[in-house]
Amino acid sequence: MKKMLIMCGAGHATSTVVRSKVEEWLSDNEFSETIKIKQSAVGDEIENIAGGAYDIVVSTTIVPESIKNKVINGVSLLTGIGADKVYQEIKKQIER
């Protein structure tokens, strides 16, 4: 089972919206049984991300440069513009 982190600045508002959309997408694409999702704040997860605790990380906030290459920018899931590219990146990470 792959581990996914969905995070925002405080771990509540925007990450909740994105989590709901990602869970629906996972279900529609028959991935929901292969992913365990955690929701949190970016400040609480920097060391975990850097240490490889998650297979997939989606963020709706700015992240430190040190972990930027390990994070998918999920803002498009809030706006709807470019959401397909985010889902494609998530799918690519699932299939790794």
PDB file of N, CA and C in Angstrom:
ATOM      1  N   MET A   1       0.840  -1.178   0.000  1.00  0.00           N
ATOM      2  CA  MET A   1       0.000   0.000   0.000  1.00  0.00           C
ATOM      3  C   MET A   1       0.888   1.246   0.000  1.00  0.00           C
ATOM      4  N   LYS A   2       0.575   2.194  -0.859  1.00  0.00           N
ATOM      5  CA  LYS A   2       1.324   3.445  -0.938  1.00  0.00           C
ATOM      6  C   LYS A   2       0.765   4.442   0.070  1.00  0.00           C
ATOM      7  N   LYS A   3       1.665   5.310   0.545  1.00  0.00           N
ATOM      8  CA  LYS A   3       1.271   6.335   1.504  1.00  0.00           C
ATOM      9  C   LYS A   3       1.274   7.700   0.823  1.00  0.00           C
ATOM     10  N   MET A   4       0.154   8.403   0.956  1.00  0.00           N
ATOM     11  CA  MET A   4       0.011   9.734   0.373  1.00  0.00           C
ATOM     12  C   MET A   4      -0.227  10.746   1.481  1.00  0.00           C
ATOM     13  N   LEU A   5       0.424  11.882   1.353  1.00  0.00           N
ATOM     14  CA  LEU A   5       0.207  12.999   2.259  1.00  0.00           C
ATOM     15  C   LEU A   5      -0.411  14.136   1.468  1.00  0.00           C
ATOM     16  N   ILE A   6      -1.498  14.689   2.004  1.00  0.00           N
ATOM     17  CA  ILE A   6      -2.102  15.889   1.442  1.00  0.00           C
ATOM     18  C   ILE A   6      -1.970  16.957   2.511  1.00  0.00           C
ATOM     19  N   MET A   7      -1.319  18.063   2.149  1.00  0.00           N
ATOM     20  CA  MET A   7      -1.038  19.066   3.170  1.00  0.00           C
ATOM     21  C   MET A   7      -1.313  20.482   2.677  1.00  0.00           C
ATOM     22  N   CYS A   8      -1.549  21.343   3.670  1.00  0.00           N
ATOM     23  CA  CYS A   8      -1.706  22.774   3.420  1.00  0.00           C
ATOM     24  C   CYS A   8      -1.018  23.500   4.572  1.00  0.00           C
ATOM     25  N   GLY A   9      -1.220  24.777   4.663  1.00  0.00           N
ATOM     26  CA  GLY A   9      -0.537  25.549   5.694  1.00  0.00           C
ATOM     27  C   GLY A   9      -0.836  25.100   7.106  1.00  0.00           C
ATOM     28  N   ALA A  10      -2.098  24.856   7.407  1.00  0.00           N
ATOM     29  CA  ALA A  10      -2.493  24.475   8.765  1.00  0.00           C
ATOM     30  C   ALA A  10      -2.991  23.036   8.866  1.00  0.00           C
ATOM     31  N   GLY A  11      -3.205  22.385   7.733  1.00  0.00           N
ATOM     32  CA  GLY A  11      -3.665  20.997   7.744  1.00  0.00           C
ATOM     33  C   GLY A  11      -5.162  20.842   7.881  1.00  0.00           C
ATOM     34  N   HIS A  12      -5.918  21.915   7.606  1.00  0.00           N
ATOM     35  CA  HIS A  12      -7.372  21.839   7.795  1.00  0.00           C
ATOM     36  C   HIS A  12      -8.162  22.169   6.531  1.00  0.00           C
ATOM     37  N   ALA A  13      -8.200  23.420   6.147  1.00  0.00           N
ATOM     38  CA  ALA A  13      -9.144  23.898   5.128  1.00  0.00           C
ATOM     39  C   ALA A  13      -8.864  23.381   3.722  1.00  0.00           C
ATOM     40  N   THR A  14      -7.828  23.905   3.079  1.00  0.00           N
ATOM     41  CA  THR A  14      -7.631  23.533   1.671  1.00  0.00           C
ATOM     42  C   THR A  14      -7.223  22.074   1.514  1.00  0.00           C
ATOM     43  N   SER A  15      -6.508  21.540   2.469  1.00  0.00           N
ATOM     44  CA  SER A  15      -6.147  20.119   2.357  1.00  0.00           C
ATOM     45  C   SER A  15      -7.380  19.230   2.473  1.00  0.00           C
ATOM     46  N   THR A  16      -8.399  19.670   3.191  1.00  0.00           N
ATOM     47  CA  THR A  16      -9.643  18.907   3.297  1.00  0.00           C
ATOM     48  C   THR A  16     -10.364  18.871   1.952  1.00  0.00           C
ATOM     49  N   VAL A  17     -10.411  20.011   1.276  1.00  0.00           N
ATOM     50  CA  VAL A  17     -11.040  20.081  -0.044  1.00  0.00           C
ATOM     51  C   VAL A  17     -10.289  19.187  -1.029  1.00  0.00           C
ATOM     52  N   VAL A  18      -8.974  19.296  -1.039  1.00  0.00           N
ATOM     53  CA  VAL A  18      -8.165  18.500  -1.959  1.00  0.00           C
ATOM     54  C   VAL A  18      -8.277  17.015  -1.625  1.00  0.00           C
ATOM     55  N   ARG A  19      -8.261  16.679  -0.364  1.00  0.00           N
ATOM     56  CA  ARG A  19      -8.388  15.270   0.023  1.00  0.00           C
ATOM     57  C   ARG A  19      -9.685  14.676  -0.515  1.00  0.00           C
ATOM     58  N   SER A  20     -10.764  15.417  -0.382  1.00  0.00           N
ATOM     59  CA  SER A  20     -12.050  14.938  -0.882  1.00  0.00           C
ATOM     60  C   SER A  20     -12.001  14.682  -2.386  1.00  0.00           C
ATOM     61  N   LYS A  21     -11.416  15.606  -3.123  1.00  0.00           N
ATOM     62  CA  LYS A  21     -11.315  15.450  -4.579  1.00  0.00           C
ATOM     63  C   LYS A  21     -10.403  14.286  -4.952  1.00  0.00           C
ATOM     64  N   VAL A  22      -9.295  14.149  -4.255  1.00  0.00           N
ATOM     65  CA  VAL A  22      -8.370  13.054  -4.544  1.00  0.00           C
ATOM     66  C   VAL A  22      -9.011  11.709  -4.198  1.00  0.00           C
ATOM     67  N   GLU A  23      -9.702  11.632  -3.081  1.00  0.00           N
ATOM     68  CA  GLU A  23     -10.373  10.379  -2.715  1.00  0.00           C
ATOM     69  C   GLU A  23     -11.410   9.984  -3.763  1.00  0.00           C
ATOM     70  N   GLU A  24     -12.148  10.964  -4.272  1.00  0.00           N
ATOM     71  CA  GLU A  24     -13.127  10.674  -5.328  1.00  0.00           C
ATOM     72  C   GLU A  24     -12.429  10.193  -6.595  1.00  0.00           C
ATOM     73  N   TRP A  25     -11.334  10.859  -6.973  1.00  0.00           N
ATOM     74  CA  TRP A  25     -10.584  10.460  -8.154  1.00  0.00           C
ATOM     75  C   TRP A  25     -10.000   9.061  -7.980  1.00  0.00           C
ATOM     76  N   LEU A  26      -9.442   8.787  -6.802  1.00  0.00           N
ATOM     77  CA  LEU A  26      -8.882   7.453  -6.539  1.00  0.00           C
ATOM     78  C   LEU A  26      -9.952   6.380  -6.680  1.00  0.00           C
ATOM     79  N   SER A  27     -11.127   6.647  -6.134  1.00  0.00           N
ATOM     80  CA  SER A  27     -12.232   5.695  -6.216  1.00  0.00           C
ATOM     81  C   SER A  27     -12.674   5.490  -7.667  1.00  0.00           C
ATOM     82  N   ASP A  28     -12.841   6.590  -8.396  1.00  0.00           N
ATOM     83  CA  ASP A  28     -13.271   6.511  -9.798  1.00  0.00           C
ATOM     84  C   ASP A  28     -12.272   5.748 -10.665  1.00  0.00           C
ATOM     85  N   ASN A  29     -11.002   5.778 -10.279  1.00  0.00           N
ATOM     86  CA  ASN A  29      -9.951   5.127 -11.061  1.00  0.00           C
ATOM     87  C   ASN A  29      -9.461   3.826 -10.436  1.00  0.00           C
ATOM     88  N   GLU A  30     -10.210   3.338  -9.464  1.00  0.00           N
ATOM     89  CA  GLU A  30      -9.954   2.055  -8.805  1.00  0.00           C
ATOM     90  C   GLU A  30      -8.579   1.973  -8.150  1.00  0.00           C
ATOM     91  N   PHE A  31      -8.142   3.093  -7.563  1.00  0.00           N
ATOM     92  CA  PHE A  31      -6.890   3.131  -6.820  1.00  0.00           C
ATOM     93  C   PHE A  31      -7.110   3.227  -5.315  1.00  0.00           C
ATOM     94  N   SER A  32      -8.343   3.412  -4.874  1.00  0.00           N
ATOM     95  CA  SER A  32      -8.592   3.709  -3.459  1.00  0.00           C
ATOM     96  C   SER A  32      -8.121   2.605  -2.512  1.00  0.00           C
ATOM     97  N   GLU A  33      -8.077   1.385  -2.975  1.00  0.00           N
ATOM     98  CA  GLU A  33      -7.635   0.278  -2.114  1.00  0.00           C
ATOM     99  C   GLU A  33      -6.118   0.183  -2.024  1.00  0.00           C
ATOM    100  N   THR A  34      -5.411   0.975  -2.827  1.00  0.00           N
ATOM    101  CA  THR A  34      -3.951   0.880  -2.858  1.00  0.00           C
ATOM    102  C   THR A  34      -3.258   2.070  -2.208  1.00  0.00           C
ATOM    103  N   ILE A  35      -4.044   3.033  -1.702  1.00  0.00           N
ATOM    104  CA  ILE A  35      -3.487   4.266  -1.152  1.00  0.00           C
ATOM    105  C   ILE A  35      -4.027   4.519   0.252  1.00  0.00           C
ATOM    106  N   LYS A  36      -3.129   4.860   1.156  1.00  0.00           N
ATOM    107  CA  LYS A  36      -3.507   5.311   2.488  1.00  0.00           C
ATOM    108  C   LYS A  36      -3.177   6.802   2.553  1.00  0.00           C
ATOM    109  N   ILE A  37      -4.169   7.629   2.902  1.00  0.00           N
ATOM    110  CA  ILE A  37      -3.993   9.086   2.884  1.00  0.00           C
ATOM    111  C   ILE A  37      -3.888   9.638   4.295  1.00  0.00           C
ATOM    112  N   LYS A  38      -2.929  10.540   4.468  1.00  0.00           N
ATOM    113  CA  LYS A  38      -2.799  11.323   5.692  1.00  0.00           C
ATOM    114  C   LYS A  38      -2.940  12.786   5.306  1.00  0.00           C
ATOM    115  N   GLN A  39      -3.552  13.556   6.172  1.00  0.00           N
ATOM    116  CA  GLN A  39      -3.730  14.994   5.957  1.00  0.00           C
ATOM    117  C   GLN A  39      -3.023  15.724   7.082  1.00  0.00           C
ATOM    118  N   SER A  40      -2.263  16.770   6.738  1.00  0.00           N
ATOM    119  CA  SER A  40      -1.478  17.446   7.763  1.00  0.00           C
ATOM    120  C   SER A  40      -1.067  18.844   7.310  1.00  0.00           C
ATOM    121  N   ALA A  41      -0.323  19.521   8.183  1.00  0.00           N
ATOM    122  CA  ALA A  41       0.238  20.840   7.901  1.00  0.00           C
ATOM    123  C   ALA A  41       1.670  20.687   7.412  1.00  0.00           C
ATOM    124  N   VAL A  42       2.074  21.547   6.500  1.00  0.00           N
ATOM    125  CA  VAL A  42       3.412  21.454   5.924  1.00  0.00           C
ATOM    126  C   VAL A  42       4.493  21.521   7.000  1.00  0.00           C
ATOM    127  N   GLY A  43       4.336  22.387   7.971  1.00  0.00           N
ATOM    128  CA  GLY A  43       5.348  22.545   9.020  1.00  0.00           C
ATOM    129  C   GLY A  43       5.557  21.298   9.856  1.00  0.00           C
ATOM    130  N   ASP A  44       4.536  20.460   9.932  1.00  0.00           N
ATOM    131  CA  ASP A  44       4.626  19.233  10.724  1.00  0.00           C
ATOM    132  C   ASP A  44       5.242  18.074   9.957  1.00  0.00           C
ATOM    133  N   GLU A  45       5.428  18.225   8.663  1.00  0.00           N
ATOM    134  CA  GLU A  45       5.801  17.085   7.826  1.00  0.00           C
ATOM    135  C   GLU A  45       7.126  17.210   7.091  1.00  0.00           C
ATOM    136  N   ILE A  46       7.808  18.326   7.205  1.00  0.00           N
ATOM    137  CA  ILE A  46       9.032  18.543   6.417  1.00  0.00           C
ATOM    138  C   ILE A  46      10.049  17.417   6.612  1.00  0.00           C
ATOM    139  N   GLU A  47      10.330  17.057   7.842  1.00  0.00           N
ATOM    140  CA  GLU A  47      11.307  15.987   8.099  1.00  0.00           C
ATOM    141  C   GLU A  47      10.816  14.644   7.576  1.00  0.00           C
ATOM    142  N   ASN A  48       9.518  14.363   7.720  1.00  0.00           N
ATOM    143  CA  ASN A  48       8.967  13.101   7.229  1.00  0.00           C
ATOM    144  C   ASN A  48       9.079  12.995   5.710  1.00  0.00           C
ATOM    145  N   ILE A  49       8.791  14.103   5.034  1.00  0.00           N
ATOM    146  CA  ILE A  49       8.891  14.116   3.568  1.00  0.00           C
ATOM    147  C   ILE A  49      10.348  13.940   3.149  1.00  0.00           C
ATOM    148  N   ALA A  50      11.224  14.695   3.765  1.00  0.00           N
ATOM    149  CA  ALA A  50      12.652  14.601   3.440  1.00  0.00           C
ATOM    150  C   ALA A  50      13.180  13.195   3.682  1.00  0.00           C
ATOM    151  N   GLY A  51      12.653  12.524   4.689  1.00  0.00           N
ATOM    152  CA  GLY A  51      13.087  11.176   5.025  1.00  0.00           C
ATOM    153  C   GLY A  51      12.425  10.080   4.217  1.00  0.00           C
ATOM    154  N   GLY A  52      11.510  10.441   3.328  1.00  0.00           N
ATOM    155  CA  GLY A  52      10.877   9.443   2.468  1.00  0.00           C
ATOM    156  C   GLY A  52       9.717   8.700   3.093  1.00  0.00           C
ATOM    157  N   ALA A  53       9.045   9.309   4.061  1.00  0.00           N
ATOM    158  CA  ALA A  53       7.935   8.640   4.749  1.00  0.00           C
ATOM    159  C   ALA A  53       6.710   8.444   3.861  1.00  0.00           C
ATOM    160  N   TYR A  54       6.626   9.218   2.773  1.00  0.00           N
ATOM    161  CA  TYR A  54       5.458   9.149   1.904  1.00  0.00           C
ATOM    162  C   TYR A  54       5.879   8.848   0.472  1.00  0.00           C
ATOM    163  N   ASP A  55       5.014   8.121  -0.221  1.00  0.00           N
ATOM    164  CA  ASP A  55       5.247   7.823  -1.630  1.00  0.00           C
ATOM    165  C   ASP A  55       4.776   8.973  -2.517  1.00  0.00           C
ATOM    166  N   ILE A  56       3.727   9.657  -2.059  1.00  0.00           N
ATOM    167  CA  ILE A  56       3.127  10.745  -2.831  1.00  0.00           C
ATOM    168  C   ILE A  56       2.805  11.877  -1.872  1.00  0.00           C
ATOM    169  N   VAL A  57       3.185  13.098  -2.236  1.00  0.00           N
ATOM    170  CA  VAL A  57       2.887  14.266  -1.409  1.00  0.00           C
ATOM    171  C   VAL A  57       2.244  15.325  -2.292  1.00  0.00           C
ATOM    172  N   VAL A  58       1.062  15.792  -1.884  1.00  0.00           N
ATOM    173  CA  VAL A  58       0.348  16.841  -2.596  1.00  0.00           C
ATOM    174  C   VAL A  58       0.192  18.010  -1.631  1.00  0.00           C
ATOM    175  N   SER A  59       0.536  19.205  -2.093  1.00  0.00           N
ATOM    176  CA  SER A  59       0.472  20.379  -1.231  1.00  0.00           C
ATOM    177  C   SER A  59      -0.294  21.513  -1.907  1.00  0.00           C
ATOM    178  N   THR A  60      -1.025  22.274  -1.088  1.00  0.00           N
ATOM    179  CA  THR A  60      -1.722  23.458  -1.594  1.00  0.00           C
ATOM    180  C   THR A  60      -1.050  24.730  -1.104  1.00  0.00           C
ATOM    181  N   THR A  61       0.131  24.596  -0.544  1.00  0.00           N
ATOM    182  CA  THR A  61       0.860  25.746  -0.032  1.00  0.00           C
ATOM    183  C   THR A  61       2.312  25.688  -0.486  1.00  0.00           C
ATOM    184  N   ILE A  62       3.008  26.765  -0.295  1.00  0.00           N
ATOM    185  CA  ILE A  62       4.426  26.826  -0.634  1.00  0.00           C
ATOM    186  C   ILE A  62       5.199  25.898   0.303  1.00  0.00           C
ATOM    187  N   VAL A  63       6.152  25.176  -0.267  1.00  0.00           N
ATOM    188  CA  VAL A  63       6.962  24.259   0.533  1.00  0.00           C
ATOM    189  C   VAL A  63       8.421  24.697   0.490  1.00  0.00           C
ATOM    190  N   PRO A  64       9.204  24.323   1.491  1.00  0.00           N
ATOM    191  CA  PRO A  64      10.628  24.672   1.488  1.00  0.00           C
ATOM    192  C   PRO A  64      11.348  24.074   0.276  1.00  0.00           C
ATOM    193  N   GLU A  65      12.340  24.760  -0.177  1.00  0.00           N
ATOM    194  CA  GLU A  65      13.135  24.325  -1.331  1.00  0.00           C
ATOM    195  C   GLU A  65      13.687  22.910  -1.124  1.00  0.00           C
ATOM    196  N   SER A  66      14.010  22.566   0.101  1.00  0.00           N
ATOM    197  CA  SER A  66      14.626  21.270   0.399  1.00  0.00           C
ATOM    198  C   SER A  66      13.738  20.073   0.062  1.00  0.00           C
ATOM    199  N   ILE A  67      12.417  20.272  -0.021  1.00  0.00           N
ATOM    200  CA  ILE A  67      11.509  19.160  -0.337  1.00  0.00           C
ATOM    201  C   ILE A  67      10.703  19.390  -1.607  1.00  0.00           C
ATOM    202  N   LYS A  68      10.941  20.499  -2.269  1.00  0.00           N
ATOM    203  CA  LYS A  68      10.142  20.896  -3.426  1.00  0.00           C
ATOM    204  C   LYS A  68      10.070  19.819  -4.505  1.00  0.00           C
ATOM    205  N   ASN A  69      11.166  19.119  -4.737  1.00  0.00           N
ATOM    206  CA  ASN A  69      11.185  18.100  -5.790  1.00  0.00           C
ATOM    207  C   ASN A  69      10.407  16.830  -5.413  1.00  0.00           C
ATOM    208  N   LYS A  70       9.958  16.729  -4.182  1.00  0.00           N
ATOM    209  CA  LYS A  70       9.206  15.558  -3.728  1.00  0.00           C
ATOM    210  C   LYS A  70       7.710  15.837  -3.595  1.00  0.00           C
ATOM    211  N   VAL A  71       7.292  17.052  -3.991  1.00  0.00           N
ATOM    212  CA  VAL A  71       5.922  17.492  -3.739  1.00  0.00           C
ATOM    213  C   VAL A  71       5.212  17.860  -5.040  1.00  0.00           C
ATOM    214  N   ILE A  72       3.968  17.399  -5.162  1.00  0.00           N
ATOM    215  CA  ILE A  72       3.101  17.768  -6.273  1.00  0.00           C
ATOM    216  C   ILE A  72       2.300  18.993  -5.845  1.00  0.00           C
ATOM    217  N   ASN A  73       2.324  20.028  -6.667  1.00  0.00           N
ATOM    218  CA  ASN A  73       1.556  21.235  -6.379  1.00  0.00           C
ATOM    219  C   ASN A  73       0.083  20.942  -6.651  1.00  0.00           C
ATOM    220  N   GLY A  74      -0.737  20.985  -5.599  1.00  0.00           N
ATOM    221  CA  GLY A  74      -2.149  20.632  -5.714  1.00  0.00           C
ATOM    222  C   GLY A  74      -3.105  21.794  -5.829  1.00  0.00           C
ATOM    223  N   VAL A  75      -2.595  23.009  -6.022  1.00  0.00           N
ATOM    224  CA  VAL A  75      -3.463  24.187  -6.115  1.00  0.00           C
ATOM    225  C   VAL A  75      -4.473  24.042  -7.252  1.00  0.00           C
ATOM    226  N   SER A  76      -4.074  23.394  -8.322  1.00  0.00           N
ATOM    227  CA  SER A  76      -4.984  23.195  -9.461  1.00  0.00           C
ATOM    228  C   SER A  76      -6.228  22.407  -9.073  1.00  0.00           C
ATOM    229  N   LEU A  77      -6.127  21.588  -8.055  1.00  0.00           N
ATOM    230  CA  LEU A  77      -7.303  20.839  -7.610  1.00  0.00           C
ATOM    231  C   LEU A  77      -8.304  21.750  -6.909  1.00  0.00           C
ATOM    232  N   LEU A  78      -7.846  22.883  -6.423  1.00  0.00           N
ATOM    233  CA  LEU A  78      -8.738  23.872  -5.815  1.00  0.00           C
ATOM    234  C   LEU A  78      -9.408  24.728  -6.880  1.00  0.00           C
ATOM    235  N   THR A  79      -8.631  25.119  -7.887  1.00  0.00           N
ATOM    236  CA  THR A  79      -9.144  26.017  -8.923  1.00  0.00           C
ATOM    237  C   THR A  79      -9.846  25.277 -10.048  1.00  0.00           C
ATOM    238  N   GLY A  80      -9.465  24.024 -10.267  1.00  0.00           N
ATOM    239  CA  GLY A  80     -10.005  23.250 -11.374  1.00  0.00           C
ATOM    240  C   GLY A  80      -9.214  23.436 -12.658  1.00  0.00           C
ATOM    241  N   ILE A  81      -8.376  24.448 -12.708  1.00  0.00           N
ATOM    242  CA  ILE A  81      -7.585  24.726 -13.906  1.00  0.00           C
ATOM    243  C   ILE A  81      -6.288  23.926 -13.831  1.00  0.00           C
ATOM    244  N   GLY A  82      -6.146  22.978 -14.724  1.00  0.00           N
ATOM    245  CA  GLY A  82      -4.952  22.137 -14.733  1.00  0.00           C
ATOM    246  C   GLY A  82      -5.035  20.939 -13.804  1.00  0.00           C
ATOM    247  N   ALA A  83      -6.220  20.642 -13.302  1.00  0.00           N
ATOM    248  CA  ALA A  83      -6.378  19.514 -12.371  1.00  0.00           C
ATOM    249  C   ALA A  83      -5.980  18.190 -13.009  1.00  0.00           C
ATOM    250  N   ASP A  84      -6.251  18.031 -14.300  1.00  0.00           N
ATOM    251  CA  ASP A  84      -5.902  16.780 -14.973  1.00  0.00           C
ATOM    252  C   ASP A  84      -4.412  16.484 -14.897  1.00  0.00           C
ATOM    253  N   LYS A  85      -3.581  17.524 -14.979  1.00  0.00           N
ATOM    254  CA  LYS A  85      -2.131  17.328 -14.890  1.00  0.00           C
ATOM    255  C   LYS A  85      -1.739  16.838 -13.499  1.00  0.00           C
ATOM    256  N   VAL A  86      -2.413  17.344 -12.484  1.00  0.00           N
ATOM    257  CA  VAL A  86      -2.134  16.898 -11.112  1.00  0.00           C
ATOM    258  C   VAL A  86      -2.513  15.429 -10.973  1.00  0.00           C
ATOM    259  N   TYR A  87      -3.688  15.063 -11.463  1.00  0.00           N
ATOM    260  CA  TYR A  87      -4.109  13.664 -11.385  1.00  0.00           C
ATOM    261  C   TYR A  87      -3.174  12.752 -12.177  1.00  0.00           C
ATOM    262  N   GLN A  88      -2.671  13.220 -13.311  1.00  0.00           N
ATOM    263  CA  GLN A  88      -1.713  12.435 -14.091  1.00  0.00           C
ATOM    264  C   GLN A  88      -0.430  12.195 -13.292  1.00  0.00           C
ATOM    265  N   GLU A  89       0.031  13.224 -12.601  1.00  0.00           N
ATOM    266  CA  GLU A  89       1.242  13.089 -11.785  1.00  0.00           C
ATOM    267  C   GLU A  89       1.000  12.125 -10.616  1.00  0.00           C
ATOM    268  N   ILE A  90      -0.164  12.214  -9.996  1.00  0.00           N
ATOM    269  CA  ILE A  90      -0.499  11.281  -8.917  1.00  0.00           C
ATOM    270  C   ILE A  90      -0.518   9.851  -9.455  1.00  0.00           C
ATOM    271  N   LYS A  91      -1.140   9.661 -10.610  1.00  0.00           N
ATOM    272  CA  LYS A  91      -1.205   8.332 -11.214  1.00  0.00           C
ATOM    273  C   LYS A  91       0.192   7.800 -11.496  1.00  0.00           C
ATOM    274  N   LYS A  92       1.051   8.649 -12.022  1.00  0.00           N
ATOM    275  CA  LYS A  92       2.437   8.252 -12.297  1.00  0.00           C
ATOM    276  C   LYS A  92       3.134   7.796 -11.021  1.00  0.00           C
ATOM    277  N   GLN A  93       2.915   8.510  -9.925  1.00  0.00           N
ATOM    278  CA  GLN A  93       3.524   8.140  -8.656  1.00  0.00           C
ATOM    279  C   GLN A  93       2.946   6.837  -8.101  1.00  0.00           C
ATOM    280  N   ILE A  94       1.659   6.623  -8.307  1.00  0.00           N
ATOM    281  CA  ILE A  94       1.022   5.379  -7.859  1.00  0.00           C
ATOM    282  C   ILE A  94       1.614   4.191  -8.599  1.00  0.00           C
ATOM    283  N   GLU A  95       1.836   4.361  -9.884  1.00  0.00           N
ATOM    284  CA  GLU A  95       2.292   3.262 -10.724  1.00  0.00           C
ATOM    285  C   GLU A  95       3.786   3.019 -10.685  1.00  0.00           C
ATOM    286  N   ARG A  96       4.516   3.793  -9.909  1.00  0.00           N
ATOM    287  CA  ARG A  96       5.971   3.594  -9.778  1.00  0.00           C
ATOM    288  C   ARG A  96       6.280   2.309  -9.083  1.00  0.00           C
TER     289      ARG A  96
END
